Amino acid sequence: MIYRSKAPLRIGLAGGGTDVSPYSDLFGGAILNTTISLSAYASIEPLDEKQIILHAFDRNEEQRFELTDQLPIDGTLDLLKGVYNRIQKDHPAPLQGFRLSTFVDAPAGSGLGTSSTLVVAILGAFLEMRKIRMDEYSVARYAYDIERNDLKLAGGKQDQYAATFGGVNFMEFYAGDKVIVNPLRIKPEYLHELENNLVLYFTATSRESAAIIKEQVKNVNEKNEKSIEAMHHLKDQARMMKEALLQGKLDEIGVILNYGFEQKRNMAANISNDTIENVYMAAKAAGATGGKISGAGGGGFMIFYCPGNTRHAVIKTLNTFGGVVRDYSFTGHGLTTWSV
């Protein structure tokens, strides 16, 4: 028997960063995101031999261990180890050899929520194998707890919920890790047009999001007015984006994205840089009305809103910068698990 799972990566459209504590605890955060047809995958294959084998195919990394109920957290394949350690602690079972294999359709640090989505996928495979039943909120909260508290990795809350629920969601974040996921009923023609007009571009660079997020946290703790005010504006941006999508005001989306891009620069240093600024200005000159850096910033993926038929000129321009335009589609499903 092989136990499998997949969870979708996401594009954040508005409100990015307001899901990070302590801002969300003090002021409440809001984010609008949508999952896409790039995913994280996990498979668990029980083995007769007394070994635990961890293999991340996309990273070309493998580790082997003798049977144990707690694997060492040492900087290599820690996401895989962290989920196993927590499951074995909370839901102990007789030790048995297994191979845990993973793959992600986008590089780590690319801004599409890869790490958190991978944790959700791995968790899903273990839940499938152990026959543990959890609702979506419980799965997302459990994944968040493993990543942020067990593994001490800095970050926000949106990715675990996007990967678990799937679809287009307006999410609200409050103190005490309270999260409300509001699925949006957007007319199909609006979604088709949004999908057609949003260009997903990989800058061919990845970044370490933790440093940017830690500075963002520091700015809130030290009551940095410029940074906090920027986050207030980004929270407003999420509400603006929700209204535009629900009412089909698609011409406003580029402007709303541009508004967020200008505000996000003020949250922390290194969110933008010369390369990102040059790409952004060139895309706008080619016809995009706005865009954003995906994730914490500093590199990775960017998205651009290209109304009418401007996407072709924008893509031609983006190709001159050495990055890659990625094909994708929106997806309505979240975490999926099965066994064969």
C-alpha atoms as a PDB file:
ATOM      1  CA  MET A   1       0.000   0.000   0.000  1.00  0.00           C
ATOM      2  CA  ILE A   2       1.195   3.523  -0.836  1.00  0.00           C
ATOM      3  CA  TYR A   3      -0.359   6.549   0.843  1.00  0.00           C
ATOM      4  CA  ARG A   4      -0.340   9.728  -1.231  1.00  0.00           C
ATOM      5  CA  SER A   5      -1.364  13.343  -0.984  1.00  0.00           C
ATOM      6  CA  LYS A   6      -1.151  16.599  -2.899  1.00  0.00           C
ATOM      7  CA  ALA A   7      -1.790  20.200  -1.872  1.00  0.00           C
ATOM      8  CA  PRO A   8      -1.933  23.262  -4.149  1.00  0.00           C
ATOM      9  CA  LEU A   9       0.429  26.216  -4.073  1.00  0.00           C
ATOM     10  CA  ARG A  10      -1.108  29.675  -3.971  1.00  0.00           C
ATOM     11  CA  ILE A  11      -0.929  33.154  -5.417  1.00  0.00           C
ATOM     12  CA  GLY A  12      -1.491  35.935  -2.903  1.00  0.00           C
ATOM     13  CA  LEU A  13      -3.494  38.707  -4.551  1.00  0.00           C
ATOM     14  CA  ALA A  14      -3.781  41.184  -1.690  1.00  0.00           C
ATOM     15  CA  GLY A  15      -3.049  41.744   1.981  1.00  0.00           C
ATOM     16  CA  GLY A  16       0.246  39.849   2.069  1.00  0.00           C
ATOM     17  CA  GLY A  17       2.087  40.129   5.381  1.00  0.00           C
ATOM     18  CA  THR A  18      -0.929  41.030   7.513  1.00  0.00           C
ATOM     19  CA  ASP A  19      -1.271  37.352   8.510  1.00  0.00           C
ATOM     20  CA  VAL A  20       2.028  37.509  10.422  1.00  0.00           C
ATOM     21  CA  SER A  21       2.057  37.870  14.200  1.00  0.00           C
ATOM     22  CA  PRO A  22       2.188  40.200  16.061  1.00  0.00           C
ATOM     23  CA  TYR A  23       0.427  42.429  13.497  1.00  0.00           C
ATOM     24  CA  SER A  24      -2.519  40.037  13.114  1.00  0.00           C
ATOM     25  CA  ASP A  25      -2.794  39.707  16.906  1.00  0.00           C
ATOM     26  CA  LEU A  26      -2.792  43.449  17.519  1.00  0.00           C
ATOM     27  CA  PHE A  27      -4.785  44.763  14.560  1.00  0.00           C
ATOM     28  CA  GLY A  28      -6.299  41.804  12.733  1.00  0.00           C
ATOM     29  CA  GLY A  29      -5.128  40.794   9.266  1.00  0.00           C
ATOM     30  CA  ALA A  30      -6.846  40.115   5.957  1.00  0.00           C
ATOM     31  CA  ILE A  31      -5.591  38.357   2.836  1.00  0.00           C
ATOM     32  CA  LEU A  32      -7.103  37.362  -0.490  1.00  0.00           C
ATOM     33  CA  ASN A  33      -5.442  34.437  -2.242  1.00  0.00           C
ATOM     34  CA  THR A  34      -6.169  31.717  -4.764  1.00  0.00           C
ATOM     35  CA  THR A  35      -4.704  28.268  -5.238  1.00  0.00           C
ATOM     36  CA  ILE A  36      -3.181  27.272  -8.561  1.00  0.00           C
ATOM     37  CA  SER A  37      -2.327  24.130 -10.533  1.00  0.00           C
ATOM     38  CA  LEU A  38       1.175  23.828  -9.077  1.00  0.00           C
ATOM     39  CA  SER A  39       1.340  21.491  -6.113  1.00  0.00           C
ATOM     40  CA  ALA A  40       3.347  19.818  -3.380  1.00  0.00           C
ATOM     41  CA  TYR A  41       3.212  16.014  -3.310  1.00  0.00           C
ATOM     42  CA  ALA A  42       3.964  13.421  -0.627  1.00  0.00           C
ATOM     43  CA  SER A  43       3.975   9.618  -0.686  1.00  0.00           C
ATOM     44  CA  ILE A  44       4.558   7.158   2.153  1.00  0.00           C
ATOM     45  CA  GLU A  45       5.455   3.572   1.333  1.00  0.00           C
ATOM     46  CA  PRO A  46       5.710   1.123   4.278  1.00  0.00           C
ATOM     47  CA  LEU A  47       8.879  -1.017   4.183  1.00  0.00           C
ATOM     48  CA  ASP A  48       9.750  -4.432   5.563  1.00  0.00           C
ATOM     49  CA  GLU A  49      13.256  -3.261   6.471  1.00  0.00           C
ATOM     50  CA  LYS A  50      13.797  -1.406   9.737  1.00  0.00           C
ATOM     51  CA  GLN A  51      14.651   1.951   8.179  1.00  0.00           C
ATOM     52  CA  ILE A  52      13.132   5.368   7.728  1.00  0.00           C
ATOM     53  CA  ILE A  53      14.042   6.781   4.318  1.00  0.00           C
ATOM     54  CA  LEU A  54      13.342  10.431   3.495  1.00  0.00           C
ATOM     55  CA  HIS A  55      13.672  11.534  -0.130  1.00  0.00           C
ATOM     56  CA  ALA A  56      12.944  14.993  -1.578  1.00  0.00           C
ATOM     57  CA  PHE A  57      13.074  14.396  -5.328  1.00  0.00           C
ATOM     58  CA  ASP A  58      12.979  18.065  -6.314  1.00  0.00           C
ATOM     59  CA  ARG A  59      15.933  18.854  -4.027  1.00  0.00           C
ATOM     60  CA  ASN A  60      17.823  15.635  -4.813  1.00  0.00           C
ATOM     61  CA  GLU A  61      18.249  14.999  -1.075  1.00  0.00           C
ATOM     62  CA  GLU A  62      17.904  11.706   0.768  1.00  0.00           C
ATOM     63  CA  GLN A  63      18.514  10.605   4.354  1.00  0.00           C
ATOM     64  CA  ARG A  64      18.230   7.184   6.021  1.00  0.00           C
ATOM     65  CA  PHE A  65      17.706   6.428   9.703  1.00  0.00           C
ATOM     66  CA  GLU A  66      17.323   3.417  11.918  1.00  0.00           C
ATOM     67  CA  LEU A  67      13.820   3.080  13.332  1.00  0.00           C
ATOM     68  CA  THR A  68      13.105   5.798  15.890  1.00  0.00           C
ATOM     69  CA  ASP A  69      10.110   7.804  17.036  1.00  0.00           C
ATOM     70  CA  GLN A  70      11.962  11.156  16.821  1.00  0.00           C
ATOM     71  CA  LEU A  71      14.218  12.168  13.930  1.00  0.00           C
ATOM     72  CA  PRO A  72      16.989  14.768  14.398  1.00  0.00           C
ATOM     73  CA  ILE A  73      16.191  18.326  13.342  1.00  0.00           C
ATOM     74  CA  ASP A  74      19.490  19.343  11.780  1.00  0.00           C
ATOM     75  CA  GLY A  75      18.755  21.578   8.789  1.00  0.00           C
ATOM     76  CA  THR A  76      18.268  18.789   6.225  1.00  0.00           C
ATOM     77  CA  LEU A  77      14.740  17.712   5.249  1.00  0.00           C
ATOM     78  CA  ASP A  78      13.460  19.210   8.499  1.00  0.00           C
ATOM     79  CA  LEU A  79       9.920  19.700   7.175  1.00  0.00           C
ATOM     80  CA  LEU A  80       9.620  15.960   6.557  1.00  0.00           C
ATOM     81  CA  LYS A  81      11.121  15.127   9.959  1.00  0.00           C
ATOM     82  CA  GLY A  82       9.031  17.693  11.808  1.00  0.00           C
ATOM     83  CA  VAL A  83       5.728  16.259  10.608  1.00  0.00           C
ATOM     84  CA  TYR A  84       6.783  12.691  11.426  1.00  0.00           C
ATOM     85  CA  ASN A  85       8.021  13.687  14.890  1.00  0.00           C
ATOM     86  CA  ARG A  86       4.769  15.469  15.735  1.00  0.00           C
ATOM     87  CA  ILE A  87       2.516  12.713  14.407  1.00  0.00           C
ATOM     88  CA  GLN A  88       4.481  10.080  16.285  1.00  0.00           C
ATOM     89  CA  LYS A  89       4.292  12.173  19.455  1.00  0.00           C
ATOM     90  CA  ASP A  90       0.555  12.933  19.299  1.00  0.00           C
ATOM     91  CA  HIS A  91      -0.608   9.699  17.638  1.00  0.00           C
ATOM     92  CA  PRO A  92       1.970   7.066  18.613  1.00  0.00           C
ATOM     93  CA  ALA A  93       2.050   3.858  16.645  1.00  0.00           C
ATOM     94  CA  PRO A  94       4.341   0.814  16.613  1.00  0.00           C
ATOM     95  CA  LEU A  95       7.560   1.661  14.794  1.00  0.00           C
ATOM     96  CA  GLN A  96       7.647   0.470  11.191  1.00  0.00           C
ATOM     97  CA  GLY A  97      10.016   1.209   8.350  1.00  0.00           C
ATOM     98  CA  PHE A  98       8.784   3.521   5.592  1.00  0.00           C
ATOM     99  CA  ARG A  99       9.920   5.686   2.712  1.00  0.00           C
ATOM    100  CA  LEU A 100       8.591   9.258   2.639  1.00  0.00           C
ATOM    101  CA  SER A 101       9.010  10.878  -0.787  1.00  0.00           C
ATOM    102  CA  THR A 102       8.170  14.472  -1.657  1.00  0.00           C
ATOM    103  CA  PHE A 103       8.169  16.764  -4.677  1.00  0.00           C
ATOM    104  CA  VAL A 104       7.175  20.417  -5.150  1.00  0.00           C
ATOM    105  CA  ASP A 105       6.367  22.040  -8.499  1.00  0.00           C
ATOM    106  CA  ALA A 106       8.164  25.303  -7.575  1.00  0.00           C
ATOM    107  CA  PRO A 107      11.512  26.005  -5.891  1.00  0.00           C
ATOM    108  CA  ALA A 108      11.758  26.675  -2.164  1.00  0.00           C
ATOM    109  CA  GLY A 109      11.802  30.386  -1.410  1.00  0.00           C
ATOM    110  CA  SER A 110       9.910  31.280  -4.579  1.00  0.00           C
ATOM    111  CA  GLY A 111       6.978  32.999  -2.892  1.00  0.00           C
ATOM    112  CA  LEU A 112       4.142  30.580  -3.640  1.00  0.00           C
ATOM    113  CA  GLY A 113       3.958  29.115  -0.131  1.00  0.00           C
ATOM    114  CA  THR A 114       6.059  26.056  -1.000  1.00  0.00           C
ATOM    115  CA  SER A 115       7.290  25.177   2.504  1.00  0.00           C
ATOM    116  CA  SER A 116       3.928  25.410   4.236  1.00  0.00           C
ATOM    117  CA  THR A 117       2.153  23.643   1.377  1.00  0.00           C
ATOM    118  CA  LEU A 118       4.680  20.821   1.584  1.00  0.00           C
ATOM    119  CA  VAL A 119       4.028  20.490   5.328  1.00  0.00           C
ATOM    120  CA  VAL A 120       0.291  20.226   4.597  1.00  0.00           C
ATOM    121  CA  ALA A 121       0.918  17.573   1.938  1.00  0.00           C
ATOM    122  CA  ILE A 122       3.196  15.515   4.207  1.00  0.00           C
ATOM    123  CA  LEU A 123       0.705  15.809   7.044  1.00  0.00           C
ATOM    124  CA  GLY A 124      -2.048  14.661   4.704  1.00  0.00           C
ATOM    125  CA  ALA A 125      -0.120  11.525   3.747  1.00  0.00           C
ATOM    126  CA  PHE A 126       0.438  10.619   7.397  1.00  0.00           C
ATOM    127  CA  LEU A 127      -3.206  11.258   8.241  1.00  0.00           C
ATOM    128  CA  GLU A 128      -4.211   8.989   5.358  1.00  0.00           C
ATOM    129  CA  MET A 129      -1.844   6.238   6.525  1.00  0.00           C
ATOM    130  CA  ARG A 130      -2.805   6.470  10.203  1.00  0.00           C
ATOM    131  CA  LYS A 131      -6.534   6.857   9.421  1.00  0.00           C
ATOM    132  CA  ILE A 132      -6.659  10.062  11.477  1.00  0.00           C
ATOM    133  CA  ARG A 133      -9.632  12.281  10.635  1.00  0.00           C
ATOM    134  CA  MET A 134      -9.384  16.086  10.878  1.00  0.00           C
ATOM    135  CA  ASP A 135     -11.447  18.894   9.384  1.00  0.00           C
ATOM    136  CA  GLU A 136      -9.796  21.562   7.223  1.00  0.00           C
ATOM    137  CA  TYR A 137      -9.312  24.078  10.036  1.00  0.00           C
ATOM    138  CA  SER A 138      -7.690  21.442  12.242  1.00  0.00           C
ATOM    139  CA  VAL A 139      -5.317  20.295   9.493  1.00  0.00           C
ATOM    140  CA  ALA A 140      -4.231  23.868   8.677  1.00  0.00           C
ATOM    141  CA  ARG A 141      -3.795  24.779  12.339  1.00  0.00           C
ATOM    142  CA  TYR A 142      -1.810  21.576  12.990  1.00  0.00           C
ATOM    143  CA  ALA A 143       0.480  22.256  10.017  1.00  0.00           C
ATOM    144  CA  TYR A 144       1.003  25.825  11.222  1.00  0.00           C
ATOM    145  CA  ASP A 145       1.874  24.625  14.714  1.00  0.00           C
ATOM    146  CA  ILE A 146       4.445  22.153  13.387  1.00  0.00           C
ATOM    147  CA  GLU A 147       6.143  24.706  11.165  1.00  0.00           C
ATOM    148  CA  ARG A 148       6.068  27.761  13.391  1.00  0.00           C
ATOM    149  CA  ASN A 149       6.273  26.272  16.902  1.00  0.00           C
ATOM    150  CA  ASP A 150       7.962  22.879  16.566  1.00  0.00           C
ATOM    151  CA  LEU A 151      10.445  23.859  13.846  1.00  0.00           C
ATOM    152  CA  LYS A 152      10.655  27.559  14.827  1.00  0.00           C
ATOM    153  CA  LEU A 153      10.364  28.742  11.208  1.00  0.00           C
ATOM    154  CA  ALA A 154       9.259  32.360  10.790  1.00  0.00           C
ATOM    155  CA  GLY A 155       6.222  33.084   8.652  1.00  0.00           C
ATOM    156  CA  GLY A 156       2.544  33.855   8.456  1.00  0.00           C
ATOM    157  CA  LYS A 157      -0.635  31.791   8.543  1.00  0.00           C
ATOM    158  CA  GLN A 158      -2.186  32.061   5.096  1.00  0.00           C
ATOM    159  CA  ASP A 159      -0.262  29.314   3.303  1.00  0.00           C
ATOM    160  CA  GLN A 160      -1.398  26.403   5.457  1.00  0.00           C
ATOM    161  CA  TYR A 161      -5.048  27.441   5.109  1.00  0.00           C
ATOM    162  CA  ALA A 162      -4.819  28.052   1.356  1.00  0.00           C
ATOM    163  CA  ALA A 163      -3.201  24.650   0.795  1.00  0.00           C
ATOM    164  CA  THR A 164      -5.791  22.870   2.941  1.00  0.00           C
ATOM    165  CA  PHE A 165      -8.958  24.616   1.741  1.00  0.00           C
ATOM    166  CA  GLY A 166      -8.112  25.456  -1.886  1.00  0.00           C
ATOM    167  CA  GLY A 167      -9.960  27.883  -4.147  1.00  0.00           C
ATOM    168  CA  VAL A 168     -10.302  31.663  -3.929  1.00  0.00           C
ATOM    169  CA  ASN A 169     -10.541  32.760  -0.318  1.00  0.00           C
ATOM    170  CA  PHE A 170     -10.748  35.938   1.710  1.00  0.00           C
ATOM    171  CA  MET A 171      -9.028  35.104   4.990  1.00  0.00           C
ATOM    172  CA  GLU A 172      -9.167  36.961   8.291  1.00  0.00           C
ATOM    173  CA  PHE A 173      -6.571  36.586  11.038  1.00  0.00           C
ATOM    174  CA  TYR A 174      -6.977  37.527  14.687  1.00  0.00           C
ATOM    175  CA  ALA A 175      -5.338  37.101  18.080  1.00  0.00           C
ATOM    176  CA  GLY A 176      -5.112  33.640  19.586  1.00  0.00           C
ATOM    177  CA  ASP A 177      -4.429  32.062  16.167  1.00  0.00           C
ATOM    178  CA  LYS A 178      -8.070  32.594  15.210  1.00  0.00           C
ATOM    179  CA  VAL A 179      -8.529  32.315  11.448  1.00  0.00           C
ATOM    180  CA  ILE A 180     -11.714  32.660   9.395  1.00  0.00           C
ATOM    181  CA  VAL A 181     -11.651  31.373   5.812  1.00  0.00           C
ATOM    182  CA  ASN A 182     -14.329  32.907   3.588  1.00  0.00           C
ATOM    183  CA  PRO A 183     -14.611  31.098   0.215  1.00  0.00           C
ATOM    184  CA  LEU A 184     -15.578  33.604  -2.497  1.00  0.00           C
ATOM    185  CA  ARG A 185     -18.314  32.791  -5.004  1.00  0.00           C
ATOM    186  CA  ILE A 186     -16.892  34.554  -8.029  1.00  0.00           C
ATOM    187  CA  LYS A 187     -18.669  34.276 -11.377  1.00  0.00           C
ATOM    188  CA  PRO A 188     -16.846  31.850 -13.711  1.00  0.00           C
ATOM    189  CA  GLU A 189     -16.402  34.495 -16.423  1.00  0.00           C
ATOM    190  CA  TYR A 190     -14.663  36.799 -13.950  1.00  0.00           C
ATOM    191  CA  LEU A 191     -12.304  34.013 -12.897  1.00  0.00           C
ATOM    192  CA  HIS A 192     -11.557  33.067 -16.508  1.00  0.00           C
ATOM    193  CA  GLU A 193     -10.690  36.666 -17.319  1.00  0.00           C
ATOM    194  CA  LEU A 194      -8.555  37.028 -14.197  1.00  0.00           C
ATOM    195  CA  GLU A 195      -6.694  33.824 -15.035  1.00  0.00           C
ATOM    196  CA  ASN A 196      -6.155  35.007 -18.617  1.00  0.00           C
ATOM    197  CA  ASN A 197      -4.869  38.407 -17.540  1.00  0.00           C
ATOM    198  CA  LEU A 198      -2.583  37.383 -14.666  1.00  0.00           C
ATOM    199  CA  VAL A 199       0.925  36.524 -15.812  1.00  0.00           C
ATOM    200  CA  LEU A 200       3.045  34.461 -13.401  1.00  0.00           C
ATOM    201  CA  TYR A 201       6.755  35.183 -13.766  1.00  0.00           C
ATOM    202  CA  PHE A 202       9.657  33.496 -11.967  1.00  0.00           C
ATOM    203  CA  THR A 203      12.600  35.856 -11.568  1.00  0.00           C
ATOM    204  CA  ALA A 204      14.983  32.851 -11.562  1.00  0.00           C
ATOM    205  CA  THR A 205      16.025  33.774  -8.032  1.00  0.00           C
ATOM    206  CA  SER A 206      14.891  32.449  -4.677  1.00  0.00           C
ATOM    207  CA  ARG A 207      15.162  34.163  -1.315  1.00  0.00           C
ATOM    208  CA  GLU A 208      15.201  33.387   2.373  1.00  0.00           C
ATOM    209  CA  SER A 209      11.842  34.729   3.515  1.00  0.00           C
ATOM    210  CA  ALA A 210      12.627  34.321   7.228  1.00  0.00           C
ATOM    211  CA  ALA A 211      14.966  37.339   7.353  1.00  0.00           C
ATOM    212  CA  ILE A 212      12.385  39.625   5.733  1.00  0.00           C
ATOM    213  CA  ILE A 213       9.602  38.338   7.983  1.00  0.00           C
ATOM    214  CA  LYS A 214      11.742  38.744  11.104  1.00  0.00           C
ATOM    215  CA  GLU A 215      12.355  42.383  10.198  1.00  0.00           C
ATOM    216  CA  GLN A 216       8.629  42.869   9.637  1.00  0.00           C
ATOM    217  CA  VAL A 217       7.945  41.412  13.091  1.00  0.00           C
ATOM    218  CA  LYS A 218      10.639  43.636  14.602  1.00  0.00           C
ATOM    219  CA  ASN A 219       9.079  46.721  12.995  1.00  0.00           C
ATOM    220  CA  VAL A 220       5.700  45.940  14.551  1.00  0.00           C
ATOM    221  CA  ASN A 221       7.187  45.187  17.976  1.00  0.00           C
ATOM    222  CA  GLU A 222       9.122  48.461  17.883  1.00  0.00           C
ATOM    223  CA  LYS A 223       6.000  50.356  16.746  1.00  0.00           C
ATOM    224  CA  ASN A 224       7.566  51.496  13.463  1.00  0.00           C
ATOM    225  CA  GLU A 225       4.774  53.747  12.200  1.00  0.00           C
ATOM    226  CA  LYS A 226       5.782  53.584   8.528  1.00  0.00           C
ATOM    227  CA  SER A 227       5.768  49.782   8.515  1.00  0.00           C
ATOM    228  CA  ILE A 228       2.535  49.419  10.501  1.00  0.00           C
ATOM    229  CA  GLU A 229       0.757  51.995   8.338  1.00  0.00           C
ATOM    230  CA  ALA A 230       1.813  50.057   5.245  1.00  0.00           C
ATOM    231  CA  MET A 231       0.259  46.908   6.718  1.00  0.00           C
ATOM    232  CA  HIS A 232      -2.968  48.782   7.430  1.00  0.00           C
ATOM    233  CA  HIS A 233      -3.080  49.796   3.761  1.00  0.00           C
ATOM    234  CA  LEU A 234      -2.411  46.225   2.635  1.00  0.00           C
ATOM    235  CA  LYS A 235      -5.307  45.011   4.774  1.00  0.00           C
ATOM    236  CA  ASP A 236      -7.498  47.604   3.032  1.00  0.00           C
ATOM    237  CA  GLN A 237      -6.137  46.331  -0.284  1.00  0.00           C
ATOM    238  CA  ALA A 238      -7.481  42.844   0.491  1.00  0.00           C
ATOM    239  CA  ARG A 239     -10.969  44.249   0.991  1.00  0.00           C
ATOM    240  CA  MET A 240     -10.676  46.294  -2.211  1.00  0.00           C
ATOM    241  CA  MET A 241      -9.616  43.201  -4.149  1.00  0.00           C
ATOM    242  CA  LYS A 242     -12.524  41.177  -2.742  1.00  0.00           C
ATOM    243  CA  GLU A 243     -15.036  43.798  -3.866  1.00  0.00           C
ATOM    244  CA  ALA A 244     -13.471  44.088  -7.337  1.00  0.00           C
ATOM    245  CA  LEU A 245     -13.566  40.330  -7.918  1.00  0.00           C
ATOM    246  CA  LEU A 246     -17.070  39.773  -6.588  1.00  0.00           C
ATOM    247  CA  GLN A 247     -18.483  42.669  -8.606  1.00  0.00           C
ATOM    248  CA  GLY A 248     -16.486  41.970 -11.763  1.00  0.00           C
ATOM    249  CA  LYS A 249     -14.597  45.262 -11.680  1.00  0.00           C
ATOM    250  CA  LEU A 250     -11.641  43.639 -13.383  1.00  0.00           C
ATOM    251  CA  ASP A 251     -10.227  46.881 -14.751  1.00  0.00           C
ATOM    252  CA  GLU A 252      -9.513  47.904 -11.155  1.00  0.00           C
ATOM    253  CA  ILE A 253      -7.405  44.850 -10.313  1.00  0.00           C
ATOM    254  CA  GLY A 254      -4.174  46.137 -11.817  1.00  0.00           C
ATOM    255  CA  VAL A 255      -4.567  49.424  -9.974  1.00  0.00           C
ATOM    256  CA  ILE A 256      -5.237  47.578  -6.696  1.00  0.00           C
ATOM    257  CA  LEU A 257      -2.159  45.390  -7.234  1.00  0.00           C
ATOM    258  CA  ASN A 258      -0.036  48.463  -7.942  1.00  0.00           C
ATOM    259  CA  TYR A 259      -1.322  50.101  -4.765  1.00  0.00           C
ATOM    260  CA  GLY A 260      -0.209  47.069  -2.787  1.00  0.00           C
ATOM    261  CA  PHE A 261       3.194  46.981  -4.486  1.00  0.00           C
ATOM    262  CA  GLU A 262       3.848  50.559  -3.417  1.00  0.00           C
ATOM    263  CA  GLN A 263       2.763  49.855   0.155  1.00  0.00           C
ATOM    264  CA  LYS A 264       4.661  46.595   0.567  1.00  0.00           C
ATOM    265  CA  ARG A 265       7.988  48.336  -0.010  1.00  0.00           C
ATOM    266  CA  ASN A 266       7.464  50.120   3.314  1.00  0.00           C
ATOM    267  CA  MET A 267       6.960  46.983   5.414  1.00  0.00           C
ATOM    268  CA  ALA A 268      10.616  45.937   5.612  1.00  0.00           C
ATOM    269  CA  ALA A 269      13.929  46.383   3.826  1.00  0.00           C
ATOM    270  CA  ASN A 270      14.881  44.016   0.970  1.00  0.00           C
ATOM    271  CA  ILE A 271      11.280  43.316  -0.015  1.00  0.00           C
ATOM    272  CA  SER A 272      12.158  44.926  -3.327  1.00  0.00           C
ATOM    273  CA  ASN A 273      15.490  45.482  -5.065  1.00  0.00           C
ATOM    274  CA  ASP A 274      16.849  46.913  -8.294  1.00  0.00           C
ATOM    275  CA  THR A 275      16.127  43.765 -10.293  1.00  0.00           C
ATOM    276  CA  ILE A 276      12.513  43.593  -9.116  1.00  0.00           C
ATOM    277  CA  GLU A 277      11.998  47.321  -9.720  1.00  0.00           C
ATOM    278  CA  ASN A 278      13.412  47.090 -13.262  1.00  0.00           C
ATOM    279  CA  VAL A 279      11.225  44.100 -14.118  1.00  0.00           C
ATOM    280  CA  TYR A 280       8.172  45.807 -12.644  1.00  0.00           C
ATOM    281  CA  MET A 281       8.643  49.066 -14.554  1.00  0.00           C
ATOM    282  CA  ALA A 282       9.327  47.227 -17.824  1.00  0.00           C
ATOM    283  CA  ALA A 283       6.172  45.131 -17.438  1.00  0.00           C
ATOM    284  CA  LYS A 284       4.097  48.261 -16.835  1.00  0.00           C
ATOM    285  CA  ALA A 285       5.635  49.961 -19.838  1.00  0.00           C
ATOM    286  CA  ALA A 286       4.636  46.951 -21.930  1.00  0.00           C
ATOM    287  CA  GLY A 287       0.993  47.171 -20.848  1.00  0.00           C
ATOM    288  CA  ALA A 288       0.588  45.716 -17.356  1.00  0.00           C
ATOM    289  CA  THR A 289      -1.489  47.945 -15.085  1.00  0.00           C
ATOM    290  CA  GLY A 290      -0.037  46.550 -11.875  1.00  0.00           C
ATOM    291  CA  GLY A 291       1.615  43.606 -10.206  1.00  0.00           C
ATOM    292  CA  LYS A 292       3.192  42.321  -7.047  1.00  0.00           C
ATOM    293  CA  ILE A 293       5.984  40.268  -5.570  1.00  0.00           C
ATOM    294  CA  SER A 294       4.646  36.926  -4.426  1.00  0.00           C
ATOM    295  CA  GLY A 295       5.317  35.941  -0.838  1.00  0.00           C
ATOM    296  CA  ALA A 296       7.615  37.836   1.504  1.00  0.00           C
ATOM    297  CA  GLY A 297       9.510  39.500  -1.329  1.00  0.00           C
ATOM    298  CA  GLY A 298      13.153  39.783  -2.278  1.00  0.00           C
ATOM    299  CA  GLY A 299      12.869  37.462  -5.283  1.00  0.00           C
ATOM    300  CA  GLY A 300      10.950  34.410  -6.434  1.00  0.00           C
ATOM    301  CA  PHE A 301       7.709  34.813  -8.375  1.00  0.00           C
ATOM    302  CA  MET A 302       5.998  38.017  -9.449  1.00  0.00           C
ATOM    303  CA  ILE A 303       2.534  38.421 -10.938  1.00  0.00           C
ATOM    304  CA  PHE A 304       1.326  41.080 -13.377  1.00  0.00           C
ATOM    305  CA  TYR A 305      -2.194  42.063 -14.393  1.00  0.00           C
ATOM    306  CA  CYS A 306      -2.358  42.519 -18.169  1.00  0.00           C
ATOM    307  CA  PRO A 307      -5.774  43.753 -19.388  1.00  0.00           C
ATOM    308  CA  GLY A 308      -7.083  43.264 -22.906  1.00  0.00           C
ATOM    309  CA  ASN A 309      -4.487  41.497 -25.042  1.00  0.00           C
ATOM    310  CA  THR A 310      -1.456  43.090 -23.416  1.00  0.00           C
ATOM    311  CA  ARG A 311      -0.265  39.816 -21.853  1.00  0.00           C
ATOM    312  CA  HIS A 312       1.634  38.910 -25.038  1.00  0.00           C
ATOM    313  CA  ALA A 313       3.670  42.126 -25.098  1.00  0.00           C
ATOM    314  CA  VAL A 314       4.301  41.838 -21.346  1.00  0.00           C
ATOM    315  CA  ILE A 315       5.504  38.233 -21.668  1.00  0.00           C
ATOM    316  CA  LYS A 316       7.812  39.217 -24.526  1.00  0.00           C
ATOM    317  CA  THR A 317       9.303  41.926 -22.329  1.00  0.00           C
ATOM    318  CA  LEU A 318       9.644  39.676 -19.278  1.00  0.00           C
ATOM    319  CA  ASN A 319      11.498  37.085 -21.339  1.00  0.00           C
ATOM    320  CA  THR A 320      14.320  39.597 -21.884  1.00  0.00           C
ATOM    321  CA  PHE A 321      15.166  39.551 -18.157  1.00  0.00           C
ATOM    322  CA  GLY A 322      16.237  35.902 -18.032  1.00  0.00           C
ATOM    323  CA  GLY A 323      13.362  34.611 -15.923  1.00  0.00           C
ATOM    324  CA  VAL A 324      10.571  32.203 -16.845  1.00  0.00           C
ATOM    325  CA  VAL A 325       6.849  32.763 -17.404  1.00  0.00           C
ATOM    326  CA  ARG A 326       5.005  29.791 -15.872  1.00  0.00           C
ATOM    327  CA  ASP A 327       1.738  28.425 -17.179  1.00  0.00           C
ATOM    328  CA  TYR A 328      -0.886  27.750 -14.528  1.00  0.00           C
ATOM    329  CA  SER A 329      -4.618  27.632 -13.930  1.00  0.00           C
ATOM    330  CA  PHE A 330      -6.746  28.314 -10.874  1.00  0.00           C
ATOM    331  CA  THR A 331      -7.843  25.293  -8.900  1.00  0.00           C
ATOM    332  CA  GLY A 332     -10.784  24.899  -6.556  1.00  0.00           C
ATOM    333  CA  HIS A 333      -9.540  21.923  -4.549  1.00  0.00           C
ATOM    334  CA  GLY A 334      -7.290  21.890  -1.520  1.00  0.00           C
ATOM    335  CA  LEU A 335      -5.511  19.024   0.209  1.00  0.00           C
ATOM    336  CA  THR A 336      -6.333  15.668  -1.402  1.00  0.00           C
ATOM    337  CA  THR A 337      -5.288  12.292  -0.003  1.00  0.00           C
ATOM    338  CA  TRP A 338      -5.658   8.716  -1.247  1.00  0.00           C
ATOM    339  CA  SER A 339      -4.083   5.270  -1.049  1.00  0.00           C
ATOM    340  CA  VAL A 340      -3.294   2.625  -3.683  1.00  0.00           C
END
